[in-house]
Amino acid sequence: MRFLRQLDQNQKANYGLFNAINESSVEAVPGGIPTPEMTIDSLELSACDLIKVDVEGSEFPVLSGAVNTIKAHSPVIQVECNKDDTKNEQLLIPFLKEMGYETFWLFNRFYRPNNHKGSTRSNAGSDRNILAVKAKDIAIADGLEKCA
């Protein structure tokens, strides 16, 4: 059980940068929201084709809690790992390779001209992700640069 800091959603902020580990405590805190923790493995999934992880610096602990699921189902894995996150990069790439995956860089653009809302607001840049695939899914990574 963790106690998440309550966010004031009336304040303008980038809530996509919220890190549940850094913004919580295992001790009860005033105004904290009690939130149970679980691993992907604890779900005992009968099938799993894709794991997408974007948890603001806690990607390695999430995948560490999915080892049995990954071994059982060999899902495609997409993990955020931005350019300034060298610690995560140094943990994730060897972990995924040890699990039998090929790893590639995948860049998700912030703005797409043909977006579903028809927005013309341009926001240059992208998130950097690691796309990890097994040999059976290697075609998914066609044209992507391999991680070192």
Protein backbone atom coordinates (compact mmCIF):
# COMPACT_ATOMS: atom_id res chain seq x y z
CA MET A 1 0.00 0.00 0.00
CA ARG A 2 1.25 3.46 -0.92
CA PHE A 3 -0.28 6.81 -0.14
CA LEU A 4 -0.38 9.01 -3.23
CA ARG A 5 -0.16 12.75 -2.85
CA GLN A 6 -3.46 14.29 -3.84
CA LEU A 7 -3.16 16.59 -6.85
CA ASP A 8 -5.06 19.84 -7.18
CA GLN A 9 -6.52 19.43 -10.64
CA ASN A 10 -7.63 23.05 -10.62
CA GLN A 11 -3.96 24.04 -10.92
CA LYS A 12 -2.35 24.14 -14.34
CA ALA A 13 0.37 21.45 -14.43
CA ASN A 14 1.78 18.68 -16.57
CA TYR A 15 0.17 15.73 -14.81
CA GLY A 16 1.83 13.40 -17.33
CA LEU A 17 5.09 13.92 -15.42
CA PHE A 18 3.62 12.62 -12.15
CA ASN A 19 5.89 9.93 -10.66
CA ALA A 20 3.88 7.76 -8.27
CA ILE A 21 7.00 6.55 -6.46
CA ASN A 22 8.38 10.04 -5.85
CA GLU A 23 4.94 11.50 -5.10
CA SER A 24 3.92 8.88 -2.56
CA SER A 25 4.90 7.27 0.69
CA VAL A 26 4.51 3.87 2.32
CA GLU A 27 3.61 5.85 5.45
CA ALA A 28 0.19 7.45 5.76
CA VAL A 29 0.41 11.15 4.86
CA PRO A 30 -2.19 13.87 5.45
CA GLY A 31 -4.51 13.98 2.45
CA GLY A 32 -2.76 10.97 0.87
CA ILE A 33 -4.87 8.56 -1.13
CA PRO A 34 -4.35 4.92 -0.06
CA THR A 35 -3.46 3.01 -3.22
CA PRO A 36 -2.71 -0.71 -3.39
CA GLU A 37 0.39 -1.82 -5.29
CA MET A 38 0.52 -4.86 -7.53
CA THR A 39 2.80 -6.38 -10.11
CA ILE A 40 1.88 -7.40 -13.63
CA ASP A 41 2.80 -10.97 -12.64
CA SER A 42 0.25 -10.88 -9.81
CA LEU A 43 -2.49 -10.53 -12.44
CA GLU A 44 -1.70 -14.07 -13.67
CA LEU A 45 -2.68 -13.19 -17.23
CA SER A 46 -3.65 -16.03 -19.54
CA ALA A 47 -2.43 -13.99 -22.53
CA CYS A 48 -0.38 -10.83 -23.03
CA ASP A 49 0.61 -9.47 -26.46
CA LEU A 50 1.83 -5.99 -25.49
CA ILE A 51 3.27 -4.27 -22.44
CA LYS A 52 3.46 -0.46 -22.70
CA VAL A 53 5.23 1.27 -19.82
CA ASP A 54 5.36 5.05 -19.27
CA VAL A 55 5.73 5.66 -15.55
CA GLU A 56 8.15 8.58 -15.30
CA GLY A 57 11.35 6.83 -14.24
CA SER A 58 9.88 3.70 -12.65
CA GLU A 59 9.94 1.60 -15.82
CA PHE A 60 12.52 -0.91 -14.56
CA PRO A 61 10.59 -1.77 -11.36
CA VAL A 62 7.44 -2.28 -13.46
CA LEU A 63 9.20 -4.71 -15.82
CA SER A 64 10.90 -6.44 -12.89
CA GLY A 65 7.41 -7.24 -11.65
CA ALA A 66 6.48 -8.74 -15.02
CA VAL A 67 9.28 -11.29 -15.50
CA ASN A 68 7.01 -14.35 -15.34
CA THR A 69 4.46 -12.76 -17.68
CA ILE A 70 7.21 -11.84 -20.14
CA LYS A 71 8.68 -15.36 -20.01
CA ALA A 72 5.28 -16.99 -20.47
CA HIS A 73 3.87 -14.79 -23.25
CA SER A 74 6.79 -13.00 -25.02
CA PRO A 75 4.82 -9.77 -25.53
CA VAL A 76 6.04 -6.84 -27.58
CA ILE A 77 7.30 -4.29 -25.04
CA GLN A 78 7.35 -0.51 -25.43
CA VAL A 79 9.09 1.35 -22.60
CA GLU A 80 9.59 5.09 -22.33
CA CYS A 81 13.28 5.95 -21.99
CA ASN A 82 13.92 9.60 -22.80
CA LYS A 83 17.34 10.87 -23.83
CA ASP A 84 18.18 12.34 -20.43
CA ASP A 85 17.24 9.11 -18.61
CA THR A 86 20.59 7.30 -18.85
CA LYS A 87 20.01 5.41 -15.58
CA ASN A 88 16.87 3.79 -16.96
CA GLU A 89 18.57 3.10 -20.29
CA GLN A 90 21.46 1.32 -18.53
CA LEU A 91 18.99 -0.88 -16.65
CA LEU A 92 16.37 -1.54 -19.33
CA ILE A 93 18.42 -2.50 -22.39
CA PRO A 94 20.50 -5.23 -20.69
CA PHE A 95 17.39 -6.53 -18.88
CA LEU A 96 15.41 -6.81 -22.11
CA LYS A 97 18.33 -8.42 -23.98
CA GLU A 98 18.73 -10.94 -21.15
CA MET A 99 15.04 -11.78 -21.59
CA GLY A 100 15.77 -12.62 -25.26
CA TYR A 101 14.59 -9.40 -26.88
CA GLU A 102 16.01 -7.27 -29.68
CA THR A 103 15.79 -3.59 -28.71
CA PHE A 104 15.15 -0.61 -30.97
CA TRP A 105 14.67 3.14 -30.53
CA LEU A 106 11.11 4.33 -31.15
CA PHE A 107 10.31 8.04 -31.24
CA ASN A 108 6.71 9.16 -30.64
CA ARG A 109 6.15 12.66 -32.02
CA PHE A 110 4.30 15.12 -29.80
CA TYR A 111 2.39 16.55 -32.77
CA ARG A 112 0.90 14.89 -35.80
CA PRO A 113 -0.60 17.08 -38.55
CA ASN A 114 -3.50 14.66 -39.16
CA ASN A 115 -4.45 14.33 -35.48
CA HIS A 116 -7.96 13.21 -34.59
CA LYS A 117 -8.91 16.61 -33.08
CA GLY A 118 -7.82 18.57 -36.14
CA SER A 119 -5.54 20.70 -33.97
CA THR A 120 -3.07 22.91 -35.79
CA ARG A 121 -1.03 23.61 -32.66
CA SER A 122 2.48 22.37 -33.37
CA ASN A 123 4.56 20.97 -30.54
CA ALA A 124 7.92 19.94 -31.96
CA GLY A 125 9.78 17.07 -30.35
CA SER A 126 9.16 13.51 -29.34
CA ASP A 127 9.33 10.97 -26.55
CA ARG A 128 12.02 8.33 -26.90
CA ASN A 129 11.00 4.77 -26.22
CA ILE A 130 12.60 1.36 -26.38
CA LEU A 131 10.70 -1.09 -28.53
CA ALA A 132 11.59 -4.66 -27.57
CA VAL A 133 10.60 -7.57 -29.78
CA LYS A 134 11.32 -11.27 -30.01
CA ALA A 135 12.35 -12.85 -33.34
CA LYS A 136 8.71 -13.77 -34.10
CA ASP A 137 7.76 -10.06 -34.07
CA ILE A 138 10.91 -8.57 -35.63
CA ALA A 139 8.96 -7.16 -38.62
CA ILE A 140 7.33 -4.65 -36.25
CA ALA A 141 10.73 -2.97 -35.83
CA ASP A 142 11.44 -2.68 -39.55
CA GLY A 143 13.26 0.59 -40.23
CA LEU A 144 14.00 1.38 -36.57
CA GLU A 145 17.51 1.94 -35.22
CA LYS A 146 18.84 -0.79 -32.92
CA CYS A 147 19.73 0.20 -29.36
CA ALA A 148 23.47 -0.08 -28.67
